[in-house]
Amino acid sequence: MDIGSFFFLILVIGAFYYLLLRPQQKREKARRELVRSLQVGDEVVTNAGIHGVVVEVEEAVVWLEVAPDVELKLSRDSVAGKVAEPADDVAEADDEAADDSADDES
């Protein structure tokens, strides 16, 4: 193997690392931080698509209220993400659109 082939191999390995492995490591770090930062009152969605509000946080378990008086005990790792609150201007635009459609029907 000559020196040019060796450098090409090193270049390919470096590109593989930065294009595939590094972004995955960043995503995993962000997910671990999300799970670590869960607090009572956070609205979350699980890997199974269940939406709920955190009512209790333990070391490895989180309790979600998914309906009035219905709580689920889940592993903290099953939380996929927090549900983002809609921006005020988006919510107002939706309200105005609903009012306009109600006026059109009258």
PDB file of N, CA and C in Angstrom:
ATOM      1  N   MET A   1       0.859  -1.169   0.000  1.00  0.00           N
ATOM      2  CA  MET A   1       0.000   0.000   0.000  1.00  0.00           C
ATOM      3  C   MET A   1       0.907   1.234   0.000  1.00  0.00           C
ATOM      4  N   ASP A   2       0.728   2.092  -0.979  1.00  0.00           N
ATOM      5  CA  ASP A   2       1.561   3.294  -1.033  1.00  0.00           C
ATOM      6  C   ASP A   2       0.970   4.387  -0.149  1.00  0.00           C
ATOM      7  N   ILE A   3       1.700   5.458   0.032  1.00  0.00           N
ATOM      8  CA  ILE A   3       1.328   6.535   0.958  1.00  0.00           C
ATOM      9  C   ILE A   3       0.057   7.257   0.511  1.00  0.00           C
ATOM     10  N   GLY A   4      -0.155   7.391  -0.811  1.00  0.00           N
ATOM     11  CA  GLY A   4      -1.363   8.051  -1.318  1.00  0.00           C
ATOM     12  C   GLY A   4      -2.622   7.286  -0.959  1.00  0.00           C
ATOM     13  N   SER A   5      -2.581   5.970  -1.080  1.00  0.00           N
ATOM     14  CA  SER A   5      -3.730   5.133  -0.721  1.00  0.00           C
ATOM     15  C   SER A   5      -4.001   5.198   0.775  1.00  0.00           C
ATOM     16  N   PHE A   6      -2.942   5.252   1.555  1.00  0.00           N
ATOM     17  CA  PHE A   6      -3.091   5.338   3.001  1.00  0.00           C
ATOM     18  C   PHE A   6      -3.792   6.635   3.404  1.00  0.00           C
ATOM     19  N   PHE A   7      -3.371   7.766   2.826  1.00  0.00           N
ATOM     20  CA  PHE A   7      -4.007   9.049   3.139  1.00  0.00           C
ATOM     21  C   PHE A   7      -5.453   9.085   2.667  1.00  0.00           C
ATOM     22  N   PHE A   8      -5.736   8.462   1.528  1.00  0.00           N
ATOM     23  CA  PHE A   8      -7.110   8.398   1.033  1.00  0.00           C
ATOM     24  C   PHE A   8      -7.984   7.601   2.004  1.00  0.00           C
ATOM     25  N   LEU A   9      -7.451   6.500   2.513  1.00  0.00           N
ATOM     26  CA  LEU A   9      -8.185   5.685   3.477  1.00  0.00           C
ATOM     27  C   LEU A   9      -8.467   6.477   4.755  1.00  0.00           C
ATOM     28  N   ILE A  10      -7.483   7.210   5.238  1.00  0.00           N
ATOM     29  CA  ILE A  10      -7.665   8.050   6.424  1.00  0.00           C
ATOM     30  C   ILE A  10      -8.714   9.125   6.153  1.00  0.00           C
ATOM     31  N   LEU A  11      -8.696   9.711   4.967  1.00  0.00           N
ATOM     32  CA  LEU A  11      -9.676  10.734   4.591  1.00  0.00           C
ATOM     33  C   LEU A  11     -11.092  10.162   4.572  1.00  0.00           C
ATOM     34  N   VAL A  12     -11.259   8.971   4.025  1.00  0.00           N
ATOM     35  CA  VAL A  12     -12.575   8.323   3.975  1.00  0.00           C
ATOM     36  C   VAL A  12     -13.073   8.017   5.388  1.00  0.00           C
ATOM     37  N   ILE A  13     -12.211   7.525   6.239  1.00  0.00           N
ATOM     38  CA  ILE A  13     -12.600   7.230   7.623  1.00  0.00           C
ATOM     39  C   ILE A  13     -12.988   8.516   8.351  1.00  0.00           C
ATOM     40  N   GLY A  14     -12.232   9.584   8.154  1.00  0.00           N
ATOM     41  CA  GLY A  14     -12.563  10.872   8.772  1.00  0.00           C
ATOM     42  C   GLY A  14     -13.890  11.418   8.282  1.00  0.00           C
ATOM     43  N   ALA A  15     -14.145  11.313   6.978  1.00  0.00           N
ATOM     44  CA  ALA A  15     -15.418  11.778   6.422  1.00  0.00           C
ATOM     45  C   ALA A  15     -16.569  10.949   6.977  1.00  0.00           C
ATOM     46  N   PHE A  16     -16.386   9.647   7.077  1.00  0.00           N
ATOM     47  CA  PHE A  16     -17.405   8.770   7.641  1.00  0.00           C
ATOM     48  C   PHE A  16     -17.744   9.191   9.066  1.00  0.00           C
ATOM     49  N   TYR A  17     -16.726   9.486   9.850  1.00  0.00           N
ATOM     50  CA  TYR A  17     -16.941   9.897  11.233  1.00  0.00           C
ATOM     51  C   TYR A  17     -17.734  11.200  11.304  1.00  0.00           C
ATOM     52  N   TYR A  18     -17.316  12.217  10.566  1.00  0.00           N
ATOM     53  CA  TYR A  18     -17.956  13.526  10.661  1.00  0.00           C
ATOM     54  C   TYR A  18     -19.323  13.574  10.001  1.00  0.00           C
ATOM     55  N   LEU A  19     -19.576  12.733   9.014  1.00  0.00           N
ATOM     56  CA  LEU A  19     -20.870  12.761   8.338  1.00  0.00           C
ATOM     57  C   LEU A  19     -21.900  11.835   8.972  1.00  0.00           C
ATOM     58  N   LEU A  20     -21.458  10.758   9.600  1.00  0.00           N
ATOM     59  CA  LEU A  20     -22.415   9.789  10.131  1.00  0.00           C
ATOM     60  C   LEU A  20     -22.387   9.654  11.652  1.00  0.00           C
ATOM     61  N   LEU A  21     -21.238   9.495  12.218  1.00  0.00           N
ATOM     62  CA  LEU A  21     -21.164   9.214  13.653  1.00  0.00           C
ATOM     63  C   LEU A  21     -21.324  10.455  14.518  1.00  0.00           C
ATOM     64  N   ARG A  22     -20.703  11.534  14.157  1.00  0.00           N
ATOM     65  CA  ARG A  22     -20.742  12.759  14.969  1.00  0.00           C
ATOM     66  C   ARG A  22     -22.164  13.312  15.124  1.00  0.00           C
ATOM     67  N   PRO A  23     -22.953  13.434  14.044  1.00  0.00           N
ATOM     68  CA  PRO A  23     -24.337  13.923  14.226  1.00  0.00           C
ATOM     69  C   PRO A  23     -25.170  13.011  15.125  1.00  0.00           C
ATOM     70  N   GLN A  24     -24.973  11.697  15.024  1.00  0.00           N
ATOM     71  CA  GLN A  24     -25.704  10.764  15.883  1.00  0.00           C
ATOM     72  C   GLN A  24     -25.333  10.979  17.346  1.00  0.00           C
ATOM     73  N   GLN A  25     -24.059  11.228  17.620  1.00  0.00           N
ATOM     74  CA  GLN A  25     -23.623  11.480  18.988  1.00  0.00           C
ATOM     75  C   GLN A  25     -24.241  12.764  19.527  1.00  0.00           C
ATOM     76  N   LYS A  26     -24.363  13.792  18.691  1.00  0.00           N
ATOM     77  CA  LYS A  26     -24.982  15.054  19.121  1.00  0.00           C
ATOM     78  C   LYS A  26     -26.458  14.852  19.430  1.00  0.00           C
ATOM     79  N   ARG A  27     -27.165  14.091  18.580  1.00  0.00           N
ATOM     80  CA  ARG A  27     -28.586  13.825  18.826  1.00  0.00           C
ATOM     81  C   ARG A  27     -28.778  13.059  20.126  1.00  0.00           C
ATOM     82  N   GLU A  28     -27.936  12.067  20.373  1.00  0.00           N
ATOM     83  CA  GLU A  28     -28.043  11.276  21.594  1.00  0.00           C
ATOM     84  C   GLU A  28     -27.759  12.130  22.828  1.00  0.00           C
ATOM     85  N   LYS A  29     -26.795  13.025  22.738  1.00  0.00           N
ATOM     86  CA  LYS A  29     -26.486  13.917  23.858  1.00  0.00           C
ATOM     87  C   LYS A  29     -27.666  14.843  24.139  1.00  0.00           C
ATOM     88  N   ALA A  30     -28.300  15.374  23.089  1.00  0.00           N
ATOM     89  CA  ALA A  30     -29.463  16.248  23.263  1.00  0.00           C
ATOM     90  C   ALA A  30     -30.628  15.476  23.885  1.00  0.00           C
ATOM     91  N   ARG A  31     -30.823  14.216  23.489  1.00  0.00           N
ATOM     92  CA  ARG A  31     -31.900  13.407  24.041  1.00  0.00           C
ATOM     93  C   ARG A  31     -31.651  13.093  25.516  1.00  0.00           C
ATOM     94  N   ARG A  32     -30.405  12.785  25.871  1.00  0.00           N
ATOM     95  CA  ARG A  32     -30.079  12.541  27.285  1.00  0.00           C
ATOM     96  C   ARG A  32     -30.337  13.792  28.118  1.00  0.00           C
ATOM     97  N   GLU A  33     -30.000  14.951  27.581  1.00  0.00           N
ATOM     98  CA  GLU A  33     -30.236  16.211  28.293  1.00  0.00           C
ATOM     99  C   GLU A  33     -31.735  16.460  28.463  1.00  0.00           C
ATOM    100  N   LEU A  34     -32.523  16.144  27.440  1.00  0.00           N
ATOM    101  CA  LEU A  34     -33.977  16.298  27.531  1.00  0.00           C
ATOM    102  C   LEU A  34     -34.532  15.417  28.641  1.00  0.00           C
ATOM    103  N   VAL A  35     -34.139  14.160  28.668  1.00  0.00           N
ATOM    104  CA  VAL A  35     -34.632  13.229  29.687  1.00  0.00           C
ATOM    105  C   VAL A  35     -34.197  13.686  31.074  1.00  0.00           C
ATOM    106  N   ARG A  36     -32.994  14.195  31.191  1.00  0.00           N
ATOM    107  CA  ARG A  36     -32.476  14.666  32.477  1.00  0.00           C
ATOM    108  C   ARG A  36     -33.228  15.911  32.954  1.00  0.00           C
ATOM    109  N   SER A  37     -33.726  16.729  32.031  1.00  0.00           N
ATOM    110  CA  SER A  37     -34.342  18.003  32.405  1.00  0.00           C
ATOM    111  C   SER A  37     -35.857  17.926  32.592  1.00  0.00           C
ATOM    112  N   LEU A  38     -36.441  16.735  32.558  1.00  0.00           N
ATOM    113  CA  LEU A  38     -37.891  16.621  32.731  1.00  0.00           C
ATOM    114  C   LEU A  38     -38.312  17.137  34.098  1.00  0.00           C
ATOM    115  N   GLN A  39     -39.402  17.925  34.097  1.00  0.00           N
ATOM    116  CA  GLN A  39     -39.924  18.490  35.335  1.00  0.00           C
ATOM    117  C   GLN A  39     -41.431  18.297  35.383  1.00  0.00           C
ATOM    118  N   VAL A  40     -41.979  18.354  36.578  1.00  0.00           N
ATOM    119  CA  VAL A  40     -43.424  18.264  36.755  1.00  0.00           C
ATOM    120  C   VAL A  40     -44.076  19.418  36.000  1.00  0.00           C
ATOM    121  N   GLY A  41     -45.111  19.095  35.228  1.00  0.00           N
ATOM    122  CA  GLY A  41     -45.826  20.106  34.458  1.00  0.00           C
ATOM    123  C   GLY A  41     -45.429  20.158  32.996  1.00  0.00           C
ATOM    124  N   ASP A  42     -44.327  19.506  32.619  1.00  0.00           N
ATOM    125  CA  ASP A  42     -43.912  19.479  31.215  1.00  0.00           C
ATOM    126  C   ASP A  42     -44.884  18.630  30.408  1.00  0.00           C
ATOM    127  N   GLU A  43     -45.275  19.127  29.239  1.00  0.00           N
ATOM    128  CA  GLU A  43     -46.095  18.341  28.326  1.00  0.00           C
ATOM    129  C   GLU A  43     -45.152  17.618  27.380  1.00  0.00           C
ATOM    130  N   VAL A  44     -45.265  16.282  27.338  1.00  0.00           N
ATOM    131  CA  VAL A  44     -44.323  15.472  26.569  1.00  0.00           C
ATOM    132  C   VAL A  44     -45.060  14.493  25.665  1.00  0.00           C
ATOM    133  N   VAL A  45     -44.310  13.916  24.742  1.00  0.00           N
ATOM    134  CA  VAL A  45     -44.803  12.832  23.895  1.00  0.00           C
ATOM    135  C   VAL A  45     -43.813  11.677  24.026  1.00  0.00           C
ATOM    136  N   THR A  46     -44.342  10.454  24.078  1.00  0.00           N
ATOM    137  CA  THR A  46     -43.486   9.279  24.233  1.00  0.00           C
ATOM    138  C   THR A  46     -43.124   8.703  22.869  1.00  0.00           C
ATOM    139  N   ASN A  47     -42.235   7.717  22.876  1.00  0.00           N
ATOM    140  CA  ASN A  47     -41.860   7.035  21.639  1.00  0.00           C
ATOM    141  C   ASN A  47     -43.057   6.343  20.998  1.00  0.00           C
ATOM    142  N   ALA A  48     -44.057   5.985  21.788  1.00  0.00           N
ATOM    143  CA  ALA A  48     -45.256   5.329  21.278  1.00  0.00           C
ATOM    144  C   ALA A  48     -46.292   6.328  20.782  1.00  0.00           C
ATOM    145  N   GLY A  49     -46.019   7.627  20.925  1.00  0.00           N
ATOM    146  CA  GLY A  49     -46.945   8.649  20.454  1.00  0.00           C
ATOM    147  C   GLY A  49     -47.969   9.081  21.481  1.00  0.00           C
ATOM    148  N   ILE A  50     -47.798   8.699  22.721  1.00  0.00           N
ATOM    149  CA  ILE A  50     -48.728   9.070  23.786  1.00  0.00           C
ATOM    150  C   ILE A  50     -48.354  10.450  24.306  1.00  0.00           C
ATOM    151  N   HIS A  51     -49.327  11.354  24.332  1.00  0.00           N
ATOM    152  CA  HIS A  51     -49.119  12.705  24.851  1.00  0.00           C
ATOM    153  C   HIS A  51     -49.608  12.754  26.289  1.00  0.00           C
ATOM    154  N   GLY A  52     -48.869  13.452  27.134  1.00  0.00           N
ATOM    155  CA  GLY A  52     -49.273  13.576  28.522  1.00  0.00           C
ATOM    156  C   GLY A  52     -48.507  14.671  29.223  1.00  0.00           C
ATOM    157  N   VAL A  53     -48.898  14.913  30.469  1.00  0.00           N
ATOM    158  CA  VAL A  53     -48.263  15.924  31.306  1.00  0.00           C
ATOM    159  C   VAL A  53     -47.556  15.206  32.448  1.00  0.00           C
ATOM    160  N   VAL A  54     -46.315  15.578  32.692  1.00  0.00           N
ATOM    161  CA  VAL A  54     -45.521  14.958  33.752  1.00  0.00           C
ATOM    162  C   VAL A  54     -46.096  15.369  35.106  1.00  0.00           C
ATOM    163  N   VAL A  55     -46.443  14.365  35.934  1.00  0.00           N
ATOM    164  CA  VAL A  55     -46.971  14.651  37.267  1.00  0.00           C
ATOM    165  C   VAL A  55     -46.000  14.243  38.368  1.00  0.00           C
ATOM    166  N   GLU A  56     -45.056  13.358  38.045  1.00  0.00           N
ATOM    167  CA  GLU A  56     -44.053  12.952  39.030  1.00  0.00           C
ATOM    168  C   GLU A  56     -42.824  12.434  38.288  1.00  0.00           C
ATOM    169  N   VAL A  57     -41.656  12.776  38.811  1.00  0.00           N
ATOM    170  CA  VAL A  57     -40.401  12.330  38.205  1.00  0.00           C
ATOM    171  C   VAL A  57     -39.590  11.600  39.261  1.00  0.00           C
ATOM    172  N   GLU A  58     -39.226  10.354  38.965  1.00  0.00           N
ATOM    173  CA  GLU A  58     -38.361   9.567  39.831  1.00  0.00           C
ATOM    174  C   GLU A  58     -37.039   9.352  39.103  1.00  0.00           C
ATOM    175  N   GLU A  59     -36.147   8.589  39.703  1.00  0.00           N
ATOM    176  CA  GLU A  59     -34.820   8.406  39.111  1.00  0.00           C
ATOM    177  C   GLU A  59     -34.886   7.789  37.714  1.00  0.00           C
ATOM    178  N   ALA A  60     -35.605   6.696  37.558  1.00  0.00           N
ATOM    179  CA  ALA A  60     -35.672   6.015  36.263  1.00  0.00           C
ATOM    180  C   ALA A  60     -37.077   5.986  35.687  1.00  0.00           C
ATOM    181  N   VAL A  61     -38.039   6.581  36.397  1.00  0.00           N
ATOM    182  CA  VAL A  61     -39.448   6.494  36.017  1.00  0.00           C
ATOM    183  C   VAL A  61     -40.058   7.882  35.976  1.00  0.00           C
ATOM    184  N   VAL A  62     -41.003   8.058  35.063  1.00  0.00           N
ATOM    185  CA  VAL A  62     -41.771   9.295  34.999  1.00  0.00           C
ATOM    186  C   VAL A  62     -43.255   8.914  34.960  1.00  0.00           C
ATOM    187  N   TRP A  63     -44.070   9.663  35.691  1.00  0.00           N
ATOM    188  CA  TRP A  63     -45.513   9.442  35.707  1.00  0.00           C
ATOM    189  C   TRP A  63     -46.163  10.505  34.834  1.00  0.00           C
ATOM    190  N   LEU A  64     -46.961  10.069  33.847  1.00  0.00           N
ATOM    191  CA  LEU A  64     -47.655  10.985  32.948  1.00  0.00           C
ATOM    192  C   LEU A  64     -49.147  10.909  33.176  1.00  0.00           C
ATOM    193  N   GLU A  65     -49.783  12.073  33.218  1.00  0.00           N
ATOM    194  CA  GLU A  65     -51.245  12.119  33.242  1.00  0.00           C
ATOM    195  C   GLU A  65     -51.687  12.291  31.797  1.00  0.00           C
ATOM    196  N   VAL A  66     -52.404  11.284  31.271  1.00  0.00           N
ATOM    197  CA  VAL A  66     -52.828  11.307  29.874  1.00  0.00           C
ATOM    198  C   VAL A  66     -54.296  11.689  29.722  1.00  0.00           C
ATOM    199  N   ALA A  67     -55.041  11.627  30.809  1.00  0.00           N
ATOM    200  CA  ALA A  67     -56.444  12.036  30.861  1.00  0.00           C
ATOM    201  C   ALA A  67     -56.738  12.303  32.334  1.00  0.00           C
ATOM    202  N   PRO A  68     -57.847  12.985  32.631  1.00  0.00           N
ATOM    203  CA  PRO A  68     -58.160  13.217  34.042  1.00  0.00           C
ATOM    204  C   PRO A  68     -58.215  11.893  34.817  1.00  0.00           C
ATOM    205  N   ASP A  69     -57.471  11.829  35.893  1.00  0.00           N
ATOM    206  CA  ASP A  69     -57.394  10.656  36.773  1.00  0.00           C
ATOM    207  C   ASP A  69     -56.827   9.406  36.093  1.00  0.00           C
ATOM    208  N   VAL A  70     -56.088   9.574  35.002  1.00  0.00           N
ATOM    209  CA  VAL A  70     -55.432   8.446  34.331  1.00  0.00           C
ATOM    210  C   VAL A  70     -53.941   8.757  34.244  1.00  0.00           C
ATOM    211  N   GLU A  71     -53.146   7.980  34.991  1.00  0.00           N
ATOM    212  CA  GLU A  71     -51.701   8.191  35.002  1.00  0.00           C
ATOM    213  C   GLU A  71     -50.996   6.931  34.519  1.00  0.00           C
ATOM    214  N   LEU A  72     -49.923   7.126  33.768  1.00  0.00           N
ATOM    215  CA  LEU A  72     -49.112   6.022  33.273  1.00  0.00           C
ATOM    216  C   LEU A  72     -47.717   6.109  33.880  1.00  0.00           C
ATOM    217  N   LYS A  73     -47.198   4.963  34.277  1.00  0.00           N
ATOM    218  CA  LYS A  73     -45.828   4.876  34.789  1.00  0.00           C
ATOM    219  C   LYS A  73     -44.948   4.409  33.633  1.00  0.00           C
ATOM    220  N   LEU A  74     -44.004   5.263  33.221  1.00  0.00           N
ATOM    221  CA  LEU A  74     -43.161   4.967  32.068  1.00  0.00           C
ATOM    222  C   LEU A  74     -41.690   5.141  32.413  1.00  0.00           C
ATOM    223  N   SER A  75     -40.863   4.451  31.688  1.00  0.00           N
ATOM    224  CA  SER A  75     -39.422   4.650  31.792  1.00  0.00           C
ATOM    225  C   SER A  75     -39.087   6.039  31.269  1.00  0.00           C
ATOM    226  N   ARG A  76     -38.137   6.710  31.902  1.00  0.00           N
ATOM    227  CA  ARG A  76     -37.742   8.048  31.435  1.00  0.00           C
ATOM    228  C   ARG A  76     -37.221   7.990  30.005  1.00  0.00           C
ATOM    229  N   ASP A  77     -36.604   6.870  29.633  1.00  0.00           N
ATOM    230  CA  ASP A  77     -36.052   6.736  28.286  1.00  0.00           C
ATOM    231  C   ASP A  77     -37.130   6.647  27.213  1.00  0.00           C
ATOM    232  N   SER A  78     -38.379   6.392  27.597  1.00  0.00           N
ATOM    233  CA  SER A  78     -39.444   6.296  26.605  1.00  0.00           C
ATOM    234  C   SER A  78     -39.977   7.664  26.182  1.00  0.00           C
ATOM    235  N   VAL A  79     -39.531   8.736  26.833  1.00  0.00           N
ATOM    236  CA  VAL A  79     -39.958  10.088  26.453  1.00  0.00           C
ATOM    237  C   VAL A  79     -39.184  10.508  25.210  1.00  0.00           C
ATOM    238  N   ALA A  80     -39.924  10.834  24.147  1.00  0.00           N
ATOM    239  CA  ALA A  80     -39.288  11.217  22.876  1.00  0.00           C
ATOM    240  C   ALA A  80     -38.990  12.705  22.824  1.00  0.00           C
ATOM    241  N   GLY A  81     -39.839  13.524  23.453  1.00  0.00           N
ATOM    242  CA  GLY A  81     -39.588  14.956  23.414  1.00  0.00           C
ATOM    243  C   GLY A  81     -40.664  15.735  24.132  1.00  0.00           C
ATOM    244  N   LYS A  82     -40.380  17.012  24.312  1.00  0.00           N
ATOM    245  CA  LYS A  82     -41.362  17.916  24.902  1.00  0.00           C
ATOM    246  C   LYS A  82     -42.227  18.478  23.788  1.00  0.00           C
ATOM    247  N   VAL A  83     -43.497  18.716  24.110  1.00  0.00           N
ATOM    248  CA  VAL A  83     -44.413  19.312  23.145  1.00  0.00           C
ATOM    249  C   VAL A  83     -44.216  20.815  23.195  1.00  0.00           C
ATOM    250  N   ALA A  84     -43.945  21.408  22.055  1.00  0.00           N
ATOM    251  CA  ALA A  84     -43.712  22.850  21.985  1.00  0.00           C
ATOM    252  C   ALA A  84     -45.033  23.588  22.097  1.00  0.00           C
ATOM    253  N   GLU A  85     -45.037  24.632  22.883  1.00  0.00           N
ATOM    254  CA  GLU A  85     -46.212  25.484  23.002  1.00  0.00           C
ATOM    255  C   GLU A  85     -46.313  26.345  21.750  1.00  0.00           C
ATOM    256  N   PRO A  86     -47.518  26.526  21.196  1.00  0.00           N
ATOM    257  CA  PRO A  86     -47.640  27.385  20.015  1.00  0.00           C
ATOM    258  C   PRO A  86     -47.337  28.833  20.368  1.00  0.00           C
ATOM    259  N   ALA A  87     -46.733  29.525  19.441  1.00  0.00           N
ATOM    260  CA  ALA A  87     -46.430  30.942  19.650  1.00  0.00           C
ATOM    261  C   ALA A  87     -47.734  31.718  19.748  1.00  0.00           C
ATOM    262  N   ASP A  88     -47.725  32.842  20.497  1.00  0.00           N
ATOM    263  CA  ASP A  88     -48.938  33.630  20.694  1.00  0.00           C
ATOM    264  C   ASP A  88     -49.509  34.130  19.378  1.00  0.00           C
ATOM    265  N   ASP A  89     -48.658  34.597  18.457  1.00  0.00           N
ATOM    266  CA  ASP A  89     -49.170  35.127  17.202  1.00  0.00           C
ATOM    267  C   ASP A  89     -49.772  34.025  16.343  1.00  0.00           C
ATOM    268  N   VAL A  90     -49.270  32.801  16.422  1.00  0.00           N
ATOM    269  CA  VAL A  90     -49.842  31.691  15.670  1.00  0.00           C
ATOM    270  C   VAL A  90     -51.194  31.325  16.259  1.00  0.00           C
ATOM    271  N   ALA A  91     -51.302  31.298  17.579  1.00  0.00           N
ATOM    272  CA  ALA A  91     -52.569  30.975  18.226  1.00  0.00           C
ATOM    273  C   ALA A  91     -53.619  32.036  17.908  1.00  0.00           C
ATOM    274  N   GLU A  92     -53.222  33.310  17.903  1.00  0.00           N
ATOM    275  CA  GLU A  92     -54.161  34.378  17.570  1.00  0.00           C
ATOM    276  C   GLU A  92     -54.609  34.273  16.123  1.00  0.00           C
ATOM    277  N   ALA A  93     -53.708  33.924  15.216  1.00  0.00           N
ATOM    278  CA  ALA A  93     -54.065  33.776  13.808  1.00  0.00           C
ATOM    279  C   ALA A  93     -55.056  32.630  13.636  1.00  0.00           C
ATOM    280  N   ASP A  94     -54.875  31.533  14.375  1.00  0.00           N
ATOM    281  CA  ASP A  94     -55.808  30.421  14.310  1.00  0.00           C
ATOM    282  C   ASP A  94     -57.178  30.833  14.833  1.00  0.00           C
ATOM    283  N   ASP A  95     -57.211  31.615  15.924  1.00  0.00           N
ATOM    284  CA  ASP A  95     -58.479  32.090  16.471  1.00  0.00           C
ATOM    285  C   ASP A  95     -59.198  32.993  15.475  1.00  0.00           C
ATOM    286  N   GLU A  96     -58.455  33.876  14.815  1.00  0.00           N
ATOM    287  CA  GLU A  96     -59.055  34.772  13.831  1.00  0.00           C
ATOM    288  C   GLU A  96     -59.599  33.989  12.647  1.00  0.00           C
ATOM    289  N   ALA A  97     -58.893  32.971  12.206  1.00  0.00           N
ATOM    290  CA  ALA A  97     -59.350  32.149  11.088  1.00  0.00           C
ATOM    291  C   ALA A  97     -60.628  31.411  11.468  1.00  0.00           C
ATOM    292  N   ALA A  98     -60.711  30.926  12.700  1.00  0.00           N
ATOM    293  CA  ALA A  98     -61.913  30.239  13.162  1.00  0.00           C
ATOM    294  C   ALA A  98     -63.087  31.210  13.236  1.00  0.00           C
ATOM    295  N   ASP A  99     -62.833  32.449  13.696  1.00  0.00           N
ATOM    296  CA  ASP A  99     -63.892  33.453  13.759  1.00  0.00           C
ATOM    297  C   ASP A  99     -64.385  33.810  12.364  1.00  0.00           C
ATOM    298  N   ASP A 100     -63.469  33.944  11.407  1.00  0.00           N
ATOM    299  CA  ASP A 100     -63.843  34.276  10.034  1.00  0.00           C
ATOM    300  C   ASP A 100     -64.689  33.175   9.412  1.00  0.00           C
ATOM    301  N   SER A 101     -64.334  31.920   9.650  1.00  0.00           N
ATOM    302  CA  SER A 101     -65.104  30.822   9.070  1.00  0.00           C
ATOM    303  C   SER A 101     -66.476  30.726   9.729  1.00  0.00           C
ATOM    304  N   ALA A 102     -66.580  31.064  11.014  1.00  0.00           N
ATOM    305  CA  ALA A 102     -67.873  31.060  11.697  1.00  0.00           C
ATOM    306  C   ALA A 102     -68.758  32.173  11.145  1.00  0.00           C
ATOM    307  N   ASP A 103     -68.168  33.337  10.827  1.00  0.00           N
ATOM    308  CA  ASP A 103     -68.928  34.440  10.255  1.00  0.00           C
ATOM    309  C   ASP A 103     -69.413  34.101   8.859  1.00  0.00           C
ATOM    310  N   ASP A 104     -68.618  33.374   8.080  1.00  0.00           N
ATOM    311  CA  ASP A 104     -68.990  33.002   6.720  1.00  0.00           C
ATOM    312  C   ASP A 104     -70.155  32.029   6.707  1.00  0.00           C
ATOM    313  N   GLU A 105     -70.244  31.161   7.708  1.00  0.00           N
ATOM    314  CA  GLU A 105     -71.308  30.173   7.766  1.00  0.00           C
ATOM    315  C   GLU A 105     -72.636  30.798   8.157  1.00  0.00           C
ATOM    316  N   SER A 106     -72.640  31.958   8.819  1.00  0.00           N
ATOM    317  CA  SER A 106     -73.878  32.590   9.285  1.00  0.00           C
ATOM    318  C   SER A 106     -74.649  33.227   8.174  1.00  0.00           C
TER     319      SER A 106
END
